[in-house]
Amino acid sequence: MNGNIPTNLHKPTRYQIRLQGHLGPQWTNWFEGLTIQLNEAGETVLTGSVTDQAALHGLLKKVRDVGLPLLSLNCLDSDQTMSL
């Protein structure tokens, strides 16, 4: 199987998404189930479980709609890292 895709696609997978810029607290409901952390480098870090690839694509659409540049997408449940 391709090394960039988690090997168990039927199990929720934890991801970390880094965005350039800070999201305000009003976005907590929009990203329900994800932890939103703001760091000193001026980035927002979203972390949480995603049920499957379709849910991941939906999450990435939400990220796009927010309008902050996507810095990276990391799969936390495996040794694989997908950086953009």
PDB file of N, CA and C in Angstrom:
ATOM      1  N   MET A   1       0.838  -1.184   0.000  1.00  0.00           N
ATOM      2  CA  MET A   1       0.000   0.000   0.000  1.00  0.00           C
ATOM      3  C   MET A   1       0.878   1.240   0.000  1.00  0.00           C
ATOM      4  N   ASN A   2       0.401   2.323  -0.542  1.00  0.00           N
ATOM      5  CA  ASN A   2       1.124   3.596  -0.605  1.00  0.00           C
ATOM      6  C   ASN A   2       1.512   4.049   0.801  1.00  0.00           C
ATOM      7  N   GLY A   3       2.752   4.479   0.992  1.00  0.00           N
ATOM      8  CA  GLY A   3       3.245   4.881   2.306  1.00  0.00           C
ATOM      9  C   GLY A   3       2.625   6.143   2.854  1.00  0.00           C
ATOM     10  N   ASN A   4       1.895   6.933   2.063  1.00  0.00           N
ATOM     11  CA  ASN A   4       1.294   8.170   2.544  1.00  0.00           C
ATOM     12  C   ASN A   4      -0.125   7.997   3.053  1.00  0.00           C
ATOM     13  N   ILE A   5      -0.677   6.800   2.964  1.00  0.00           N
ATOM     14  CA  ILE A   5      -2.056   6.557   3.375  1.00  0.00           C
ATOM     15  C   ILE A   5      -2.039   5.643   4.585  1.00  0.00           C
ATOM     16  N   PRO A   6      -2.802   5.985   5.654  1.00  0.00           N
ATOM     17  CA  PRO A   6      -2.859   5.099   6.817  1.00  0.00           C
ATOM     18  C   PRO A   6      -3.276   3.696   6.382  1.00  0.00           C
ATOM     19  N   THR A   7      -2.688   2.669   7.002  1.00  0.00           N
ATOM     20  CA  THR A   7      -2.943   1.302   6.582  1.00  0.00           C
ATOM     21  C   THR A   7      -4.314   0.790   6.998  1.00  0.00           C
ATOM     22  N   ASN A   8      -4.889   1.278   8.087  1.00  0.00           N
ATOM     23  CA  ASN A   8      -6.197   0.808   8.521  1.00  0.00           C
ATOM     24  C   ASN A   8      -7.231   1.891   8.223  1.00  0.00           C
ATOM     25  N   LEU A   9      -7.901   1.784   7.069  1.00  0.00           N
ATOM     26  CA  LEU A   9      -8.837   2.815   6.642  1.00  0.00           C
ATOM     27  C   LEU A   9     -10.203   2.692   7.298  1.00  0.00           C
ATOM     28  N   HIS A  10     -10.445   1.643   8.088  1.00  0.00           N
ATOM     29  CA  HIS A  10     -11.746   1.437   8.722  1.00  0.00           C
ATOM     30  C   HIS A  10     -11.760   1.899  10.169  1.00  0.00           C
ATOM     31  N   LYS A  11     -10.685   2.429  10.648  1.00  0.00           N
ATOM     32  CA  LYS A  11     -10.560   2.886  12.032  1.00  0.00           C
ATOM     33  C   LYS A  11     -10.374   4.396  12.018  1.00  0.00           C
ATOM     34  N   PRO A  12     -11.032   5.108  12.938  1.00  0.00           N
ATOM     35  CA  PRO A  12     -10.785   6.564  12.988  1.00  0.00           C
ATOM     36  C   PRO A  12      -9.291   6.842  13.151  1.00  0.00           C
ATOM     37  N   THR A  13      -8.849   7.866  12.471  1.00  0.00           N
ATOM     38  CA  THR A  13      -7.441   8.236  12.475  1.00  0.00           C
ATOM     39  C   THR A  13      -7.305   9.648  13.009  1.00  0.00           C
ATOM     40  N   ARG A  14      -6.291   9.871  13.835  1.00  0.00           N
ATOM     41  CA  ARG A  14      -6.045  11.209  14.371  1.00  0.00           C
ATOM     42  C   ARG A  14      -5.170  11.997  13.404  1.00  0.00           C
ATOM     43  N   TYR A  15      -5.579  13.248  13.193  1.00  0.00           N
ATOM     44  CA  TYR A  15      -4.845  14.145  12.313  1.00  0.00           C
ATOM     45  C   TYR A  15      -4.531  15.444  13.028  1.00  0.00           C
ATOM     46  N   GLN A  16      -3.473  16.094  12.562  1.00  0.00           N
ATOM     47  CA  GLN A  16      -3.127  17.441  13.006  1.00  0.00           C
ATOM     48  C   GLN A  16      -3.044  18.303  11.746  1.00  0.00           C
ATOM     49  N   ILE A  17      -3.793  19.408  11.769  1.00  0.00           N
ATOM     50  CA  ILE A  17      -3.821  20.331  10.641  1.00  0.00           C
ATOM     51  C   ILE A  17      -3.308  21.672  11.133  1.00  0.00           C
ATOM     52  N   ARG A  18      -2.268  22.190  10.482  1.00  0.00           N
ATOM     53  CA  ARG A  18      -1.700  23.492  10.850  1.00  0.00           C
ATOM     54  C   ARG A  18      -2.121  24.527   9.817  1.00  0.00           C
ATOM     55  N   LEU A  19      -2.626  25.663  10.309  1.00  0.00           N
ATOM     56  CA  LEU A  19      -3.057  26.768   9.458  1.00  0.00           C
ATOM     57  C   LEU A  19      -2.254  28.013   9.803  1.00  0.00           C
ATOM     58  N   GLN A  20      -1.994  28.846   8.802  1.00  0.00           N
ATOM     59  CA  GLN A  20      -1.311  30.116   9.044  1.00  0.00           C
ATOM     60  C   GLN A  20      -2.362  31.126   9.492  1.00  0.00           C
ATOM     61  N   GLY A  21      -2.157  31.704  10.672  1.00  0.00           N
ATOM     62  CA  GLY A  21      -3.106  32.658  11.241  1.00  0.00           C
ATOM     63  C   GLY A  21      -3.864  32.041  12.399  1.00  0.00           C
ATOM     64  N   HIS A  22      -4.530  32.886  13.160  1.00  0.00           N
ATOM     65  CA  HIS A  22      -5.285  32.427  14.323  1.00  0.00           C
ATOM     66  C   HIS A  22      -6.775  32.442  14.045  1.00  0.00           C
ATOM     67  N   LEU A  23      -7.446  31.374  14.457  1.00  0.00           N
ATOM     68  CA  LEU A  23      -8.906  31.313  14.419  1.00  0.00           C
ATOM     69  C   LEU A  23      -9.448  31.814  15.750  1.00  0.00           C
ATOM     70  N   GLY A  24     -10.552  32.514  15.713  1.00  0.00           N
ATOM     71  CA  GLY A  24     -11.194  32.972  16.938  1.00  0.00           C
ATOM     72  C   GLY A  24     -12.013  31.862  17.569  1.00  0.00           C
ATOM     73  N   PRO A  25     -12.471  32.058  18.811  1.00  0.00           N
ATOM     74  CA  PRO A  25     -13.223  31.022  19.520  1.00  0.00           C
ATOM     75  C   PRO A  25     -14.565  30.686  18.856  1.00  0.00           C
ATOM     76  N   GLN A  26     -15.069  31.568  18.004  1.00  0.00           N
ATOM     77  CA  GLN A  26     -16.344  31.301  17.331  1.00  0.00           C
ATOM     78  C   GLN A  26     -16.262  30.113  16.374  1.00  0.00           C
ATOM     79  N   TRP A  27     -15.065  29.657  16.037  1.00  0.00           N
ATOM     80  CA  TRP A  27     -14.884  28.543  15.101  1.00  0.00           C
ATOM     81  C   TRP A  27     -14.944  27.183  15.787  1.00  0.00           C
ATOM     82  N   THR A  28     -15.054  27.151  17.107  1.00  0.00           N
ATOM     83  CA  THR A  28     -15.059  25.883  17.845  1.00  0.00           C
ATOM     84  C   THR A  28     -16.195  24.976  17.375  1.00  0.00           C
ATOM     85  N   ASN A  29     -17.394  25.503  17.216  1.00  0.00           N
ATOM     86  CA  ASN A  29     -18.523  24.681  16.760  1.00  0.00           C
ATOM     87  C   ASN A  29     -18.350  24.225  15.320  1.00  0.00           C
ATOM     88  N   TRP A  30     -17.744  25.041  14.478  1.00  0.00           N
ATOM     89  CA  TRP A  30     -17.525  24.713  13.062  1.00  0.00           C
ATOM     90  C   TRP A  30     -16.629  23.477  12.936  1.00  0.00           C
ATOM     91  N   PHE A  31     -15.626  23.385  13.819  1.00  0.00           N
ATOM     92  CA  PHE A  31     -14.705  22.250  13.817  1.00  0.00           C
ATOM     93  C   PHE A  31     -15.004  21.325  14.997  1.00  0.00           C
ATOM     94  N   GLU A  32     -16.266  21.008  15.174  1.00  0.00           N
ATOM     95  CA  GLU A  32     -16.736  20.175  16.274  1.00  0.00           C
ATOM     96  C   GLU A  32     -15.927  18.884  16.372  1.00  0.00           C
ATOM     97  N   GLY A  33     -15.494  18.582  17.582  1.00  0.00           N
ATOM     98  CA  GLY A  33     -14.724  17.366  17.816  1.00  0.00           C
ATOM     99  C   GLY A  33     -13.223  17.536  17.686  1.00  0.00           C
ATOM    100  N   LEU A  34     -12.785  18.672  17.173  1.00  0.00           N
ATOM    101  CA  LEU A  34     -11.353  18.916  17.044  1.00  0.00           C
ATOM    102  C   LEU A  34     -10.895  19.901  18.111  1.00  0.00           C
ATOM    103  N   THR A  35      -9.691  19.715  18.567  1.00  0.00           N
ATOM    104  CA  THR A  35      -9.067  20.656  19.487  1.00  0.00           C
ATOM    105  C   THR A  35      -8.453  21.777  18.665  1.00  0.00           C
ATOM    106  N   ILE A  36      -8.694  23.014  19.079  1.00  0.00           N
ATOM    107  CA  ILE A  36      -8.123  24.171  18.396  1.00  0.00           C
ATOM    108  C   ILE A  36      -7.108  24.812  19.329  1.00  0.00           C
ATOM    109  N   GLN A  37      -5.860  24.852  18.881  1.00  0.00           N
ATOM    110  CA  GLN A  37      -4.796  25.483  19.662  1.00  0.00           C
ATOM    111  C   GLN A  37      -4.162  26.584  18.831  1.00  0.00           C
ATOM    112  N   LEU A  38      -3.873  27.701  19.480  1.00  0.00           N
ATOM    113  CA  LEU A  38      -3.182  28.815  18.835  1.00  0.00           C
ATOM    114  C   LEU A  38      -1.760  28.837  19.368  1.00  0.00           C
ATOM    115  N   ASN A  39      -0.778  28.915  18.473  1.00  0.00           N
ATOM    116  CA  ASN A  39       0.598  28.944  18.966  1.00  0.00           C
ATOM    117  C   ASN A  39       1.224  30.325  18.748  1.00  0.00           C
ATOM    118  N   GLU A  40       2.382  30.517  19.357  1.00  0.00           N
ATOM    119  CA  GLU A  40       3.057  31.816  19.317  1.00  0.00           C
ATOM    120  C   GLU A  40       3.599  32.168  17.939  1.00  0.00           C
ATOM    121  N   ALA A  41       3.714  31.181  17.057  1.00  0.00           N
ATOM    122  CA  ALA A  41       4.208  31.422  15.704  1.00  0.00           C
ATOM    123  C   ALA A  41       3.111  31.975  14.800  1.00  0.00           C
ATOM    124  N   GLY A  42       1.929  32.231  15.379  1.00  0.00           N
ATOM    125  CA  GLY A  42       0.829  32.768  14.591  1.00  0.00           C
ATOM    126  C   GLY A  42       0.069  31.710  13.819  1.00  0.00           C
ATOM    127  N   GLU A  43       0.098  30.483  14.307  1.00  0.00           N
ATOM    128  CA  GLU A  43      -0.570  29.371  13.638  1.00  0.00           C
ATOM    129  C   GLU A  43      -1.715  28.835  14.485  1.00  0.00           C
ATOM    130  N   THR A  44      -2.692  28.248  13.805  1.00  0.00           N
ATOM    131  CA  THR A  44      -3.758  27.495  14.451  1.00  0.00           C
ATOM    132  C   THR A  44      -3.487  26.025  14.186  1.00  0.00           C
ATOM    133  N   VAL A  45      -3.584  25.206  15.228  1.00  0.00           N
ATOM    134  CA  VAL A  45      -3.378  23.764  15.102  1.00  0.00           C
ATOM    135  C   VAL A  45      -4.678  23.069  15.474  1.00  0.00           C
ATOM    136  N   LEU A  46      -5.254  22.353  14.513  1.00  0.00           N
ATOM    137  CA  LEU A  46      -6.464  21.565  14.721  1.00  0.00           C
ATOM    138  C   LEU A  46      -6.041  20.117  14.890  1.00  0.00           C
ATOM    139  N   THR A  47      -6.519  19.455  15.951  1.00  0.00           N
ATOM    140  CA  THR A  47      -6.147  18.068  16.213  1.00  0.00           C
ATOM    141  C   THR A  47      -7.392  17.283  16.590  1.00  0.00           C
ATOM    142  N   GLY A  48      -7.520  16.087  16.029  1.00  0.00           N
ATOM    143  CA  GLY A  48      -8.636  15.233  16.401  1.00  0.00           C
ATOM    144  C   GLY A  48      -8.782  14.036  15.492  1.00  0.00           C
ATOM    145  N   SER A  49      -9.746  13.188  15.831  1.00  0.00           N
ATOM    146  CA  SER A  49     -10.007  11.967  15.073  1.00  0.00           C
ATOM    147  C   SER A  49     -10.946  12.245  13.907  1.00  0.00           C
ATOM    148  N   VAL A  50     -10.675  11.570  12.818  1.00  0.00           N
ATOM    149  CA  VAL A  50     -11.489  11.654  11.608  1.00  0.00           C
ATOM    150  C   VAL A  50     -11.892  10.223  11.261  1.00  0.00           C
ATOM    151  N   THR A  51     -13.189   9.999  11.033  1.00  0.00           N
ATOM    152  CA  THR A  51     -13.700   8.637  10.887  1.00  0.00           C
ATOM    153  C   THR A  51     -13.225   7.929   9.629  1.00  0.00           C
ATOM    154  N   ASP A  52     -13.105   8.649   8.517  1.00  0.00           N
ATOM    155  CA  ASP A  52     -12.703   8.008   7.268  1.00  0.00           C
ATOM    156  C   ASP A  52     -12.234   9.068   6.276  1.00  0.00           C
ATOM    157  N   GLN A  53     -11.870   8.640   5.082  1.00  0.00           N
ATOM    158  CA  GLN A  53     -11.355   9.556   4.070  1.00  0.00           C
ATOM    159  C   GLN A  53     -12.398  10.576   3.632  1.00  0.00           C
ATOM    160  N   ALA A  54     -13.652  10.178   3.553  1.00  0.00           N
ATOM    161  CA  ALA A  54     -14.711  11.119   3.178  1.00  0.00           C
ATOM    162  C   ALA A  54     -14.826  12.234   4.222  1.00  0.00           C
ATOM    163  N   ALA A  55     -14.729  11.872   5.500  1.00  0.00           N
ATOM    164  CA  ALA A  55     -14.783  12.878   6.566  1.00  0.00           C
ATOM    165  C   ALA A  55     -13.559  13.786   6.506  1.00  0.00           C
ATOM    166  N   LEU A  56     -12.408  13.235   6.160  1.00  0.00           N
ATOM    167  CA  LEU A  56     -11.202  14.047   6.030  1.00  0.00           C
ATOM    168  C   LEU A  56     -11.365  15.065   4.905  1.00  0.00           C
ATOM    169  N   HIS A  57     -11.917  14.642   3.789  1.00  0.00           N
ATOM    170  CA  HIS A  57     -12.150  15.574   2.679  1.00  0.00           C
ATOM    171  C   HIS A  57     -13.133  16.675   3.081  1.00  0.00           C
ATOM    172  N   GLY A  58     -14.169  16.313   3.844  1.00  0.00           N
ATOM    173  CA  GLY A  58     -15.114  17.312   4.340  1.00  0.00           C
ATOM    174  C   GLY A  58     -14.438  18.302   5.273  1.00  0.00           C
ATOM    175  N   LEU A  59     -13.560  17.806   6.127  1.00  0.00           N
ATOM    176  CA  LEU A  59     -12.814  18.668   7.032  1.00  0.00           C
ATOM    177  C   LEU A  59     -11.912  19.619   6.258  1.00  0.00           C
ATOM    178  N   LEU A  60     -11.263  19.121   5.225  1.00  0.00           N
ATOM    179  CA  LEU A  60     -10.396  19.976   4.418  1.00  0.00           C
ATOM    180  C   LEU A  60     -11.199  21.036   3.661  1.00  0.00           C
ATOM    181  N   LYS A  61     -12.428  20.731   3.299  1.00  0.00           N
ATOM    182  CA  LYS A  61     -13.298  21.740   2.682  1.00  0.00           C
ATOM    183  C   LYS A  61     -13.605  22.851   3.682  1.00  0.00           C
ATOM    184  N   LYS A  62     -13.832  22.482   4.947  1.00  0.00           N
ATOM    185  CA  LYS A  62     -14.075  23.491   5.981  1.00  0.00           C
ATOM    186  C   LYS A  62     -12.845  24.371   6.159  1.00  0.00           C
ATOM    187  N   VAL A  63     -11.674  23.741   6.153  1.00  0.00           N
ATOM    188  CA  VAL A  63     -10.427  24.494   6.274  1.00  0.00           C
ATOM    189  C   VAL A  63     -10.320  25.486   5.121  1.00  0.00           C
ATOM    190  N   ARG A  64     -10.623  25.040   3.919  1.00  0.00           N
ATOM    191  CA  ARG A  64     -10.595  25.924   2.746  1.00  0.00           C
ATOM    192  C   ARG A  64     -11.562  27.094   2.929  1.00  0.00           C
ATOM    193  N   ASP A  65     -12.753  26.812   3.430  1.00  0.00           N
ATOM    194  CA  ASP A  65     -13.778  27.840   3.587  1.00  0.00           C
ATOM    195  C   ASP A  65     -13.411  28.898   4.624  1.00  0.00           C
ATOM    196  N   VAL A  66     -12.580  28.535   5.592  1.00  0.00           N
ATOM    197  CA  VAL A  66     -12.128  29.491   6.610  1.00  0.00           C
ATOM    198  C   VAL A  66     -11.233  30.548   5.971  1.00  0.00           C
ATOM    199  N   GLY A  67     -10.486  30.160   4.956  1.00  0.00           N
ATOM    200  CA  GLY A  67      -9.654  31.115   4.228  1.00  0.00           C
ATOM    201  C   GLY A  67      -8.245  31.287   4.746  1.00  0.00           C
ATOM    202  N   LEU A  68      -7.849  30.529   5.771  1.00  0.00           N
ATOM    203  CA  LEU A  68      -6.468  30.596   6.248  1.00  0.00           C
ATOM    204  C   LEU A  68      -5.623  29.608   5.456  1.00  0.00           C
ATOM    205  N   PRO A  69      -4.393  29.987   5.100  1.00  0.00           N
ATOM    206  CA  PRO A  69      -3.536  29.078   4.351  1.00  0.00           C
ATOM    207  C   PRO A  69      -3.238  27.787   5.126  1.00  0.00           C
ATOM    208  N   LEU A  70      -3.343  26.660   4.438  1.00  0.00           N
ATOM    209  CA  LEU A  70      -3.028  25.353   5.003  1.00  0.00           C
ATOM    210  C   LEU A  70      -1.516  25.167   4.974  1.00  0.00           C
ATOM    211  N   LEU A  71      -0.918  24.915   6.134  1.00  0.00           N
ATOM    212  CA  LEU A  71       0.531  24.720   6.220  1.00  0.00           C
ATOM    213  C   LEU A  71       0.918  23.249   6.165  1.00  0.00           C
ATOM    214  N   SER A  72       0.150  22.405   6.888  1.00  0.00           N
ATOM    215  CA  SER A  72       0.478  20.979   6.877  1.00  0.00           C
ATOM    216  C   SER A  72      -0.704  20.147   7.349  1.00  0.00           C
ATOM    217  N   LEU A  73      -0.679  18.883   6.943  1.00  0.00           N
ATOM    218  CA  LEU A  73      -1.635  17.867   7.382  1.00  0.00           C
ATOM    219  C   LEU A  73      -0.813  16.675   7.815  1.00  0.00           C
ATOM    220  N   ASN A  74      -0.919  16.307   9.080  1.00  0.00           N
ATOM    221  CA  ASN A  74      -0.122  15.208   9.610  1.00  0.00           C
ATOM    222  C   ASN A  74      -1.031  14.122  10.159  1.00  0.00           C
ATOM    223  N   CYS A  75      -0.750  12.888   9.771  1.00  0.00           N
ATOM    224  CA  CYS A  75      -1.445  11.720  10.306  1.00  0.00           C
ATOM    225  C   CYS A  75      -0.714  11.331  11.585  1.00  0.00           C
ATOM    226  N   LEU A  76      -1.399  11.375  12.721  1.00  0.00           N
ATOM    227  CA  LEU A  76      -0.750  11.124  14.010  1.00  0.00           C
ATOM    228  C   LEU A  76      -0.781   9.656  14.423  1.00  0.00           C
ATOM    229  N   ASP A  77      -1.601   8.839  13.759  1.00  0.00           N
ATOM    230  CA  ASP A  77      -1.749   7.438  14.138  1.00  0.00           C
ATOM    231  C   ASP A  77      -0.791   6.499  13.432  1.00  0.00           C
ATOM    232  N   SER A  78       0.110   7.046  12.647  1.00  0.00           N
ATOM    233  CA  SER A  78       1.076   6.193  11.974  1.00  0.00           C
ATOM    234  C   SER A  78       2.409   6.917  11.898  1.00  0.00           C
ATOM    235  N   ASP A  79       3.383   6.264  11.344  1.00  0.00           N
ATOM    236  CA  ASP A  79       4.700   6.875  11.181  1.00  0.00           C
ATOM    237  C   ASP A  79       4.738   7.792   9.961  1.00  0.00           C
ATOM    238  N   GLN A  80       3.636   7.812   9.199  1.00  0.00           N
ATOM    239  CA  GLN A  80       3.609   8.586   7.976  1.00  0.00           C
ATOM    240  C   GLN A  80       3.206  10.030   8.271  1.00  0.00           C
ATOM    241  N   THR A  81       3.830  10.962   7.601  1.00  0.00           N
ATOM    242  CA  THR A  81       3.498  12.382   7.707  1.00  0.00           C
ATOM    243  C   THR A  81       3.254  12.913   6.316  1.00  0.00           C
ATOM    244  N   MET A  82       2.130  13.616   6.168  1.00  0.00           N
ATOM    245  CA  MET A  82       1.818  14.233   4.884  1.00  0.00           C
ATOM    246  C   MET A  82       1.987  15.721   5.051  1.00  0.00           C
ATOM    247  N   SER A  83       3.009  16.300   4.504  1.00  0.00           N
ATOM    248  CA  SER A  83       3.237  17.732   4.612  1.00  0.00           C
ATOM    249  C   SER A  83       2.942  18.396   3.281  1.00  0.00           C
ATOM    250  N   LEU A  84       2.312  19.533   3.363  1.00  0.00           N
ATOM    251  CA  LEU A  84       1.988  20.296   2.159  1.00  0.00           C
ATOM    252  C   LEU A  84       2.940  21.461   2.038  1.00  0.00           C
TER     253      LEU A  84
END
